[in-house]
N, C-alpha and C. Protein backbone atom coordinates (compact mmCIF):
# COMPACT_ATOMS: atom_id res chain seq x y z
N UNK A 1 58.17 -10.06 12.98
CA UNK A 1 56.90 -10.67 13.36
C UNK A 1 56.68 -10.46 14.85
N UNK A 2 55.44 -10.19 15.24
CA UNK A 2 55.09 -9.94 16.63
C UNK A 2 54.88 -11.25 17.36
N UNK A 3 55.70 -11.52 18.37
CA UNK A 3 55.60 -12.75 19.16
C UNK A 3 54.81 -12.56 20.45
N UNK A 4 54.40 -11.33 20.75
CA UNK A 4 53.63 -11.07 21.96
C UNK A 4 52.17 -11.46 21.70
N UNK A 5 51.64 -12.47 22.43
CA UNK A 5 50.27 -12.92 22.17
C UNK A 5 49.19 -11.90 22.52
N UNK A 6 49.58 -10.81 23.17
CA UNK A 6 48.61 -9.78 23.53
C UNK A 6 48.56 -8.64 22.51
N UNK A 7 49.47 -8.64 21.57
CA UNK A 7 49.50 -7.59 20.56
C UNK A 7 49.03 -8.13 19.22
N UNK A 8 48.33 -7.30 18.45
CA UNK A 8 47.84 -7.76 17.14
C UNK A 8 48.99 -8.13 16.21
N UNK A 9 48.74 -9.14 15.40
CA UNK A 9 49.64 -9.44 14.28
C UNK A 9 49.33 -8.46 13.16
N UNK A 10 48.06 -8.37 12.85
CA UNK A 10 47.50 -7.39 11.92
C UNK A 10 46.20 -6.94 12.58
N UNK A 11 45.96 -5.64 12.68
CA UNK A 11 44.73 -5.19 13.32
C UNK A 11 43.62 -5.06 12.28
N UNK A 12 42.40 -4.87 12.77
CA UNK A 12 41.23 -4.87 11.90
C UNK A 12 41.32 -3.84 10.77
N UNK A 13 41.67 -2.59 11.05
CA UNK A 13 41.76 -1.63 9.93
C UNK A 13 42.81 -2.04 8.88
N UNK A 14 43.94 -2.56 9.34
CA UNK A 14 44.97 -2.99 8.40
C UNK A 14 44.48 -4.19 7.58
N UNK A 15 43.78 -5.10 8.23
CA UNK A 15 43.22 -6.25 7.51
C UNK A 15 42.31 -5.77 6.37
N UNK A 16 41.45 -4.80 6.69
CA UNK A 16 40.53 -4.28 5.67
C UNK A 16 41.31 -3.66 4.50
N UNK A 17 42.41 -2.96 4.81
CA UNK A 17 43.23 -2.35 3.75
C UNK A 17 43.95 -3.41 2.91
N UNK A 18 44.43 -4.45 3.56
CA UNK A 18 45.20 -5.48 2.87
C UNK A 18 44.34 -6.41 2.02
N UNK A 19 43.06 -6.51 2.36
CA UNK A 19 42.18 -7.47 1.68
C UNK A 19 40.96 -6.77 1.11
N UNK A 20 41.13 -5.95 0.09
CA UNK A 20 39.99 -5.22 -0.46
C UNK A 20 38.84 -6.17 -0.81
N UNK A 21 37.67 -5.82 -0.33
CA UNK A 21 36.48 -6.59 -0.63
C UNK A 21 36.13 -7.65 0.40
N UNK A 22 37.10 -8.14 1.16
CA UNK A 22 36.82 -9.22 2.10
C UNK A 22 35.97 -8.73 3.27
N UNK A 23 36.43 -7.70 3.98
CA UNK A 23 35.62 -7.16 5.08
C UNK A 23 34.25 -6.72 4.58
N UNK A 24 34.24 -6.08 3.42
CA UNK A 24 32.98 -5.60 2.86
C UNK A 24 32.02 -6.76 2.56
N UNK A 25 32.56 -7.87 2.07
CA UNK A 25 31.71 -9.03 1.77
C UNK A 25 31.13 -9.64 3.05
N UNK A 26 31.96 -9.76 4.08
CA UNK A 26 31.47 -10.30 5.34
C UNK A 26 30.47 -9.35 5.98
N UNK A 27 30.70 -8.04 5.87
CA UNK A 27 29.76 -7.06 6.40
C UNK A 27 28.46 -7.07 5.60
N UNK A 28 28.54 -7.25 4.29
CA UNK A 28 27.32 -7.33 3.47
C UNK A 28 26.50 -8.55 3.87
N UNK A 29 27.17 -9.67 4.13
CA UNK A 29 26.47 -10.85 4.61
C UNK A 29 25.79 -10.54 5.94
N UNK A 30 26.49 -9.85 6.83
CA UNK A 30 25.91 -9.46 8.11
C UNK A 30 24.68 -8.57 7.95
N UNK A 31 24.73 -7.64 6.99
CA UNK A 31 23.56 -6.77 6.75
C UNK A 31 22.38 -7.56 6.20
N UNK A 32 22.65 -8.51 5.32
CA UNK A 32 21.57 -9.36 4.78
C UNK A 32 20.92 -10.16 5.91
N UNK A 33 21.73 -10.68 6.80
CA UNK A 33 21.21 -11.44 7.94
C UNK A 33 20.43 -10.52 8.87
N UNK A 34 20.94 -9.32 9.11
CA UNK A 34 20.25 -8.36 9.99
C UNK A 34 18.88 -7.98 9.42
N UNK A 35 18.75 -7.99 8.10
CA UNK A 35 17.48 -7.67 7.46
C UNK A 35 16.55 -8.85 7.30
N UNK A 36 16.91 -9.99 7.85
CA UNK A 36 16.15 -11.23 7.66
C UNK A 36 14.88 -11.30 8.49
N UNK A 37 14.79 -10.47 9.50
CA UNK A 37 13.66 -10.57 10.42
C UNK A 37 13.99 -11.30 11.71
N UNK A 38 15.15 -11.97 11.77
CA UNK A 38 15.56 -12.59 13.03
C UNK A 38 15.82 -11.49 14.06
N UNK A 39 15.45 -11.74 15.29
CA UNK A 39 15.61 -10.76 16.36
C UNK A 39 17.09 -10.43 16.54
N UNK A 40 17.37 -9.14 16.67
CA UNK A 40 18.76 -8.69 16.82
C UNK A 40 19.40 -9.25 18.08
N UNK A 41 18.64 -9.34 19.17
CA UNK A 41 19.21 -9.88 20.41
C UNK A 41 19.54 -11.37 20.25
N UNK A 42 18.73 -12.11 19.52
CA UNK A 42 19.02 -13.52 19.26
C UNK A 42 20.31 -13.64 18.44
N UNK A 43 20.45 -12.81 17.42
CA UNK A 43 21.67 -12.85 16.61
C UNK A 43 22.90 -12.53 17.44
N UNK A 44 22.79 -11.58 18.36
CA UNK A 44 23.95 -11.27 19.21
C UNK A 44 24.28 -12.43 20.14
N UNK A 45 23.27 -13.12 20.67
CA UNK A 45 23.54 -14.27 21.53
C UNK A 45 24.30 -15.36 20.77
N UNK A 46 23.91 -15.63 19.54
CA UNK A 46 24.62 -16.69 18.81
C UNK A 46 26.03 -16.24 18.43
N UNK A 47 26.20 -14.96 18.14
CA UNK A 47 27.55 -14.45 17.84
C UNK A 47 28.44 -14.55 19.08
N UNK A 48 27.87 -14.23 20.22
CA UNK A 48 28.64 -14.32 21.46
C UNK A 48 28.97 -15.77 21.80
N UNK A 49 28.00 -16.67 21.63
CA UNK A 49 28.26 -18.07 21.99
C UNK A 49 29.34 -18.67 21.08
N UNK A 50 29.25 -18.42 19.79
CA UNK A 50 30.28 -18.93 18.88
C UNK A 50 31.65 -18.34 19.25
N UNK A 51 31.67 -17.05 19.58
CA UNK A 51 32.93 -16.40 19.94
C UNK A 51 33.49 -16.95 21.24
N UNK A 52 32.61 -17.32 22.18
CA UNK A 52 33.08 -17.98 23.40
C UNK A 52 33.72 -19.32 23.06
N UNK A 53 33.02 -20.11 22.26
CA UNK A 53 33.51 -21.45 21.91
C UNK A 53 34.85 -21.37 21.18
N UNK A 54 34.99 -20.36 20.33
CA UNK A 54 36.21 -20.20 19.55
C UNK A 54 37.31 -19.46 20.31
N UNK A 55 36.97 -18.82 21.42
CA UNK A 55 37.96 -18.07 22.19
C UNK A 55 38.40 -16.79 21.52
N UNK A 56 37.48 -16.10 20.86
CA UNK A 56 37.83 -14.88 20.12
C UNK A 56 37.55 -13.63 20.97
N UNK A 57 38.60 -13.07 21.53
CA UNK A 57 38.46 -11.90 22.41
C UNK A 57 37.88 -10.70 21.67
N UNK A 58 38.35 -10.45 20.45
CA UNK A 58 37.85 -9.30 19.69
C UNK A 58 36.34 -9.40 19.50
N UNK A 59 35.88 -10.54 18.99
CA UNK A 59 34.45 -10.69 18.69
C UNK A 59 33.60 -10.73 19.96
N UNK A 60 34.14 -11.32 21.03
CA UNK A 60 33.41 -11.30 22.30
C UNK A 60 33.16 -9.87 22.76
N UNK A 61 34.20 -9.06 22.79
CA UNK A 61 34.04 -7.69 23.27
C UNK A 61 33.16 -6.89 22.32
N UNK A 62 33.38 -7.04 21.02
CA UNK A 62 32.57 -6.31 20.03
C UNK A 62 31.09 -6.62 20.21
N UNK A 63 30.74 -7.92 20.30
CA UNK A 63 29.33 -8.29 20.37
C UNK A 63 28.73 -8.10 21.76
N UNK A 64 29.56 -8.10 22.80
CA UNK A 64 29.06 -7.68 24.12
C UNK A 64 28.65 -6.22 24.07
N UNK A 65 29.47 -5.39 23.43
CA UNK A 65 29.13 -3.97 23.29
C UNK A 65 27.81 -3.81 22.54
N UNK A 66 27.65 -4.55 21.44
CA UNK A 66 26.41 -4.46 20.66
C UNK A 66 25.22 -4.94 21.48
N UNK A 67 25.38 -6.09 22.14
CA UNK A 67 24.28 -6.66 22.93
C UNK A 67 23.86 -5.72 24.05
N UNK A 68 24.82 -5.12 24.72
CA UNK A 68 24.47 -4.17 25.78
C UNK A 68 23.75 -2.97 25.20
N UNK A 69 24.15 -2.52 24.01
CA UNK A 69 23.48 -1.42 23.34
C UNK A 69 22.05 -1.75 22.96
N UNK A 70 21.78 -3.03 22.74
CA UNK A 70 20.43 -3.49 22.43
C UNK A 70 19.62 -3.78 23.70
N UNK A 71 20.24 -3.56 24.86
CA UNK A 71 19.61 -3.84 26.16
C UNK A 71 19.29 -5.32 26.36
N UNK A 72 20.16 -6.20 25.85
CA UNK A 72 20.02 -7.61 26.16
C UNK A 72 20.21 -7.75 27.67
N UNK A 73 19.30 -8.44 28.36
CA UNK A 73 19.42 -8.55 29.82
C UNK A 73 20.79 -9.08 30.26
N UNK A 74 21.32 -8.47 31.30
CA UNK A 74 22.64 -8.85 31.81
C UNK A 74 22.69 -10.34 32.15
N UNK A 75 21.62 -10.90 32.68
CA UNK A 75 21.63 -12.32 33.04
C UNK A 75 21.87 -13.20 31.81
N UNK A 76 21.33 -12.81 30.67
CA UNK A 76 21.55 -13.61 29.45
C UNK A 76 23.00 -13.53 29.00
N UNK A 77 23.62 -12.41 29.20
CA UNK A 77 25.03 -12.26 28.84
C UNK A 77 25.92 -12.99 29.85
N UNK A 78 25.59 -12.84 31.12
CA UNK A 78 26.41 -13.43 32.19
C UNK A 78 26.37 -14.96 32.18
N UNK A 79 25.23 -15.55 31.82
CA UNK A 79 25.05 -16.99 31.92
C UNK A 79 25.21 -17.73 30.58
N UNK A 80 25.63 -17.03 29.56
CA UNK A 80 25.65 -17.62 28.23
C UNK A 80 26.52 -18.87 28.13
N UNK A 81 27.64 -18.89 28.81
CA UNK A 81 28.51 -20.06 28.75
C UNK A 81 27.83 -21.30 29.34
N UNK A 82 26.84 -21.10 30.20
CA UNK A 82 26.11 -22.21 30.84
C UNK A 82 24.63 -22.14 30.48
N UNK A 83 24.31 -21.79 29.25
CA UNK A 83 22.93 -21.56 28.84
C UNK A 83 22.03 -22.77 29.05
N UNK A 84 22.56 -23.97 28.96
CA UNK A 84 21.72 -25.17 29.13
C UNK A 84 21.15 -25.27 30.54
N UNK A 85 21.86 -24.74 31.52
CA UNK A 85 21.42 -24.82 32.91
C UNK A 85 20.75 -23.54 33.39
N UNK A 86 20.68 -22.53 32.56
CA UNK A 86 20.16 -21.22 32.97
C UNK A 86 18.72 -21.05 32.48
N UNK A 87 17.82 -20.67 33.37
CA UNK A 87 16.40 -20.56 33.00
C UNK A 87 16.03 -19.26 32.28
N UNK A 88 16.99 -18.43 31.92
CA UNK A 88 16.68 -17.11 31.37
C UNK A 88 16.48 -17.12 29.85
N UNK A 89 16.72 -18.24 29.19
CA UNK A 89 16.63 -18.29 27.73
C UNK A 89 15.31 -18.91 27.28
N UNK A 90 14.75 -18.34 26.24
CA UNK A 90 13.50 -18.86 25.68
C UNK A 90 13.78 -20.16 24.93
N UNK A 91 12.74 -20.94 24.65
CA UNK A 91 12.94 -22.15 23.83
C UNK A 91 13.56 -21.83 22.47
N UNK A 92 13.18 -20.73 21.87
CA UNK A 92 13.74 -20.32 20.57
C UNK A 92 15.23 -20.01 20.70
N UNK A 93 15.60 -19.29 21.75
CA UNK A 93 17.01 -18.99 22.00
C UNK A 93 17.80 -20.27 22.25
N UNK A 94 17.23 -21.20 22.99
CA UNK A 94 17.91 -22.46 23.29
C UNK A 94 18.19 -23.25 22.01
N UNK A 95 17.21 -23.30 21.12
CA UNK A 95 17.43 -23.99 19.85
C UNK A 95 18.53 -23.31 19.04
N UNK A 96 18.50 -21.99 18.99
CA UNK A 96 19.52 -21.25 18.23
C UNK A 96 20.91 -21.47 18.83
N UNK A 97 20.99 -21.50 20.15
CA UNK A 97 22.29 -21.73 20.80
C UNK A 97 22.77 -23.16 20.56
N UNK A 98 21.86 -24.13 20.59
CA UNK A 98 22.24 -25.51 20.29
C UNK A 98 22.75 -25.63 18.85
N UNK A 99 22.09 -24.94 17.92
CA UNK A 99 22.51 -24.95 16.51
C UNK A 99 23.88 -24.28 16.37
N UNK A 100 24.08 -23.21 17.11
CA UNK A 100 25.38 -22.52 17.10
C UNK A 100 26.49 -23.48 17.54
N UNK A 101 26.25 -24.18 18.62
CA UNK A 101 27.26 -25.13 19.11
C UNK A 101 27.48 -26.26 18.13
N UNK A 102 26.41 -26.75 17.52
CA UNK A 102 26.54 -27.85 16.57
C UNK A 102 27.36 -27.44 15.35
N UNK A 103 27.15 -26.22 14.86
CA UNK A 103 27.85 -25.77 13.66
C UNK A 103 29.23 -25.21 13.95
N UNK A 104 29.48 -24.83 15.20
CA UNK A 104 30.78 -24.27 15.57
C UNK A 104 31.74 -25.37 16.01
N UNK A 105 31.21 -26.38 16.66
CA UNK A 105 32.05 -27.46 17.16
C UNK A 105 32.21 -28.58 16.16
N UNK A 106 32.83 -29.63 16.60
CA UNK A 106 33.13 -30.76 15.72
C UNK A 106 32.02 -31.80 15.68
N UNK A 107 31.00 -31.66 16.54
CA UNK A 107 29.99 -32.72 16.63
C UNK A 107 29.04 -32.75 15.45
N UNK A 108 28.88 -31.65 14.74
CA UNK A 108 27.99 -31.64 13.58
C UNK A 108 26.53 -31.48 13.98
N UNK A 109 25.68 -31.39 12.99
CA UNK A 109 24.26 -31.10 13.20
C UNK A 109 23.44 -32.37 12.99
N UNK A 110 22.78 -32.83 14.06
CA UNK A 110 21.99 -34.05 13.91
C UNK A 110 20.58 -33.74 13.40
N UNK A 111 19.93 -34.76 12.87
CA UNK A 111 18.62 -34.60 12.24
C UNK A 111 17.53 -34.18 13.23
N UNK A 112 17.60 -34.66 14.46
CA UNK A 112 16.58 -34.32 15.45
C UNK A 112 16.62 -32.82 15.76
N UNK A 113 17.80 -32.29 15.96
CA UNK A 113 17.93 -30.86 16.22
C UNK A 113 17.47 -30.07 15.01
N UNK A 114 17.86 -30.49 13.83
CA UNK A 114 17.45 -29.80 12.61
C UNK A 114 15.93 -29.76 12.50
N UNK A 115 15.27 -30.86 12.79
CA UNK A 115 13.80 -30.92 12.72
C UNK A 115 13.16 -29.95 13.71
N UNK A 116 13.71 -29.86 14.91
CA UNK A 116 13.19 -28.91 15.91
C UNK A 116 13.38 -27.47 15.43
N UNK A 117 14.55 -27.20 14.89
CA UNK A 117 14.84 -25.86 14.38
C UNK A 117 13.91 -25.49 13.23
N UNK A 118 13.70 -26.42 12.32
CA UNK A 118 12.84 -26.18 11.17
C UNK A 118 11.41 -25.89 11.62
N UNK A 119 10.94 -26.62 12.63
CA UNK A 119 9.59 -26.39 13.16
C UNK A 119 9.47 -25.01 13.82
N UNK A 120 10.51 -24.56 14.48
CA UNK A 120 10.50 -23.27 15.19
C UNK A 120 10.74 -22.10 14.26
N UNK A 121 11.71 -22.21 13.37
CA UNK A 121 12.16 -21.08 12.57
C UNK A 121 11.60 -21.07 11.15
N UNK A 122 11.28 -22.24 10.61
CA UNK A 122 10.91 -22.32 9.20
C UNK A 122 12.16 -22.32 8.34
N UNK A 123 12.02 -22.66 7.06
CA UNK A 123 13.21 -22.81 6.23
C UNK A 123 14.00 -21.52 6.01
N UNK A 124 13.34 -20.40 5.79
CA UNK A 124 14.08 -19.16 5.49
C UNK A 124 14.83 -18.67 6.72
N UNK A 125 14.16 -18.58 7.87
CA UNK A 125 14.85 -18.11 9.08
C UNK A 125 15.97 -19.06 9.47
N UNK A 126 15.75 -20.36 9.30
CA UNK A 126 16.80 -21.32 9.63
C UNK A 126 18.01 -21.14 8.71
N UNK A 127 17.75 -20.87 7.44
CA UNK A 127 18.86 -20.62 6.51
C UNK A 127 19.63 -19.37 6.91
N UNK A 128 18.91 -18.30 7.30
CA UNK A 128 19.59 -17.08 7.76
C UNK A 128 20.35 -17.32 9.06
N UNK A 129 19.75 -18.08 9.98
CA UNK A 129 20.44 -18.40 11.24
C UNK A 129 21.73 -19.17 10.95
N UNK A 130 21.67 -20.11 10.04
CA UNK A 130 22.85 -20.88 9.66
C UNK A 130 23.92 -19.98 9.05
N UNK A 131 23.50 -19.05 8.19
CA UNK A 131 24.45 -18.11 7.59
C UNK A 131 25.07 -17.21 8.65
N UNK A 132 24.28 -16.80 9.65
CA UNK A 132 24.80 -15.96 10.72
C UNK A 132 25.89 -16.69 11.51
N UNK A 133 25.66 -17.97 11.77
CA UNK A 133 26.65 -18.77 12.50
C UNK A 133 27.91 -18.93 11.66
N UNK A 134 27.76 -19.17 10.38
CA UNK A 134 28.92 -19.29 9.50
C UNK A 134 29.70 -17.98 9.45
N UNK A 135 28.98 -16.86 9.39
CA UNK A 135 29.63 -15.55 9.30
C UNK A 135 30.44 -15.24 10.55
N UNK A 136 29.87 -15.47 11.73
CA UNK A 136 30.62 -15.17 12.95
C UNK A 136 31.81 -16.12 13.09
N UNK A 137 31.66 -17.36 12.65
CA UNK A 137 32.81 -18.27 12.70
C UNK A 137 33.92 -17.79 11.77
N UNK A 138 33.57 -17.26 10.61
CA UNK A 138 34.58 -16.70 9.71
C UNK A 138 35.29 -15.52 10.37
N UNK A 139 34.51 -14.59 10.94
CA UNK A 139 35.12 -13.45 11.62
C UNK A 139 35.99 -13.90 12.79
N UNK A 140 35.54 -14.91 13.55
CA UNK A 140 36.32 -15.41 14.68
C UNK A 140 37.69 -15.90 14.22
N UNK A 141 37.71 -16.65 13.14
CA UNK A 141 38.98 -17.21 12.68
C UNK A 141 39.92 -16.13 12.16
N UNK A 142 39.36 -15.13 11.50
CA UNK A 142 40.18 -14.02 11.02
C UNK A 142 40.73 -13.24 12.22
N UNK A 143 39.84 -12.86 13.13
CA UNK A 143 40.25 -12.04 14.27
C UNK A 143 41.23 -12.77 15.18
N UNK A 144 41.02 -14.07 15.37
CA UNK A 144 41.92 -14.84 16.23
C UNK A 144 43.27 -15.05 15.56
N UNK A 145 43.24 -15.43 14.30
CA UNK A 145 44.48 -15.69 13.59
C UNK A 145 45.38 -14.47 13.50
N UNK A 146 44.76 -13.30 13.36
CA UNK A 146 45.52 -12.06 13.23
C UNK A 146 45.61 -11.28 14.54
N UNK A 147 44.97 -11.83 15.58
CA UNK A 147 44.97 -11.22 16.92
C UNK A 147 44.47 -9.78 16.90
N UNK A 148 43.30 -9.57 16.31
CA UNK A 148 42.70 -8.23 16.37
C UNK A 148 42.62 -7.79 17.83
N UNK A 149 42.96 -6.54 18.10
CA UNK A 149 42.85 -6.01 19.45
C UNK A 149 41.37 -5.81 19.79
N UNK A 150 40.92 -6.33 20.92
CA UNK A 150 39.52 -6.15 21.29
C UNK A 150 39.17 -4.67 21.40
N UNK A 151 37.97 -4.30 20.94
CA UNK A 151 37.55 -2.91 21.10
C UNK A 151 37.30 -2.60 22.57
N UNK A 152 37.32 -1.35 22.91
CA UNK A 152 37.04 -0.97 24.29
C UNK A 152 35.61 -1.35 24.66
N UNK A 153 35.40 -1.76 25.90
CA UNK A 153 34.03 -2.03 26.35
C UNK A 153 33.19 -0.75 26.23
N UNK A 154 31.91 -0.95 26.03
CA UNK A 154 31.00 0.20 25.94
C UNK A 154 31.14 1.05 27.20
N UNK A 155 31.28 2.35 27.02
CA UNK A 155 31.40 3.27 28.12
C UNK A 155 32.82 3.46 28.64
N UNK A 156 33.78 2.70 28.12
CA UNK A 156 35.17 2.84 28.58
C UNK A 156 35.80 4.06 27.91
N UNK A 157 36.72 4.67 28.60
CA UNK A 157 37.39 5.86 28.07
C UNK A 157 38.45 5.51 27.06
């Protein structure tokens, strides 16, 4: 067994081989969410925020690469950990980030936040947003538990 916390226990390709259908199911969920009409940059922000909260290095690097590829403004990526104090996020992004924190942390989702989200997103988009948060939390736990090696940053050799 690997006791070095910097080395993978099982890496992502091996995980996919060992668990036929699991990676594919999570990826299929991701594709369904991507086809929902929710903005891709919004989805990357919630994936990054959940990954920050969970401390998942693999998912942080992976979704930073994706977000940069989508040209998400650097300020939004740089200030994400302090999004409540940063003026760069839209009201819609703020609600999505609050929902991400509520569903990722132990505090749970209160009715007032849910009502605001429902008014902004509507029932279908809110359901997809909720599924997106659940999906990234599942990936975070898999990647953290097995210590997936973070992918190289975009543009790295």
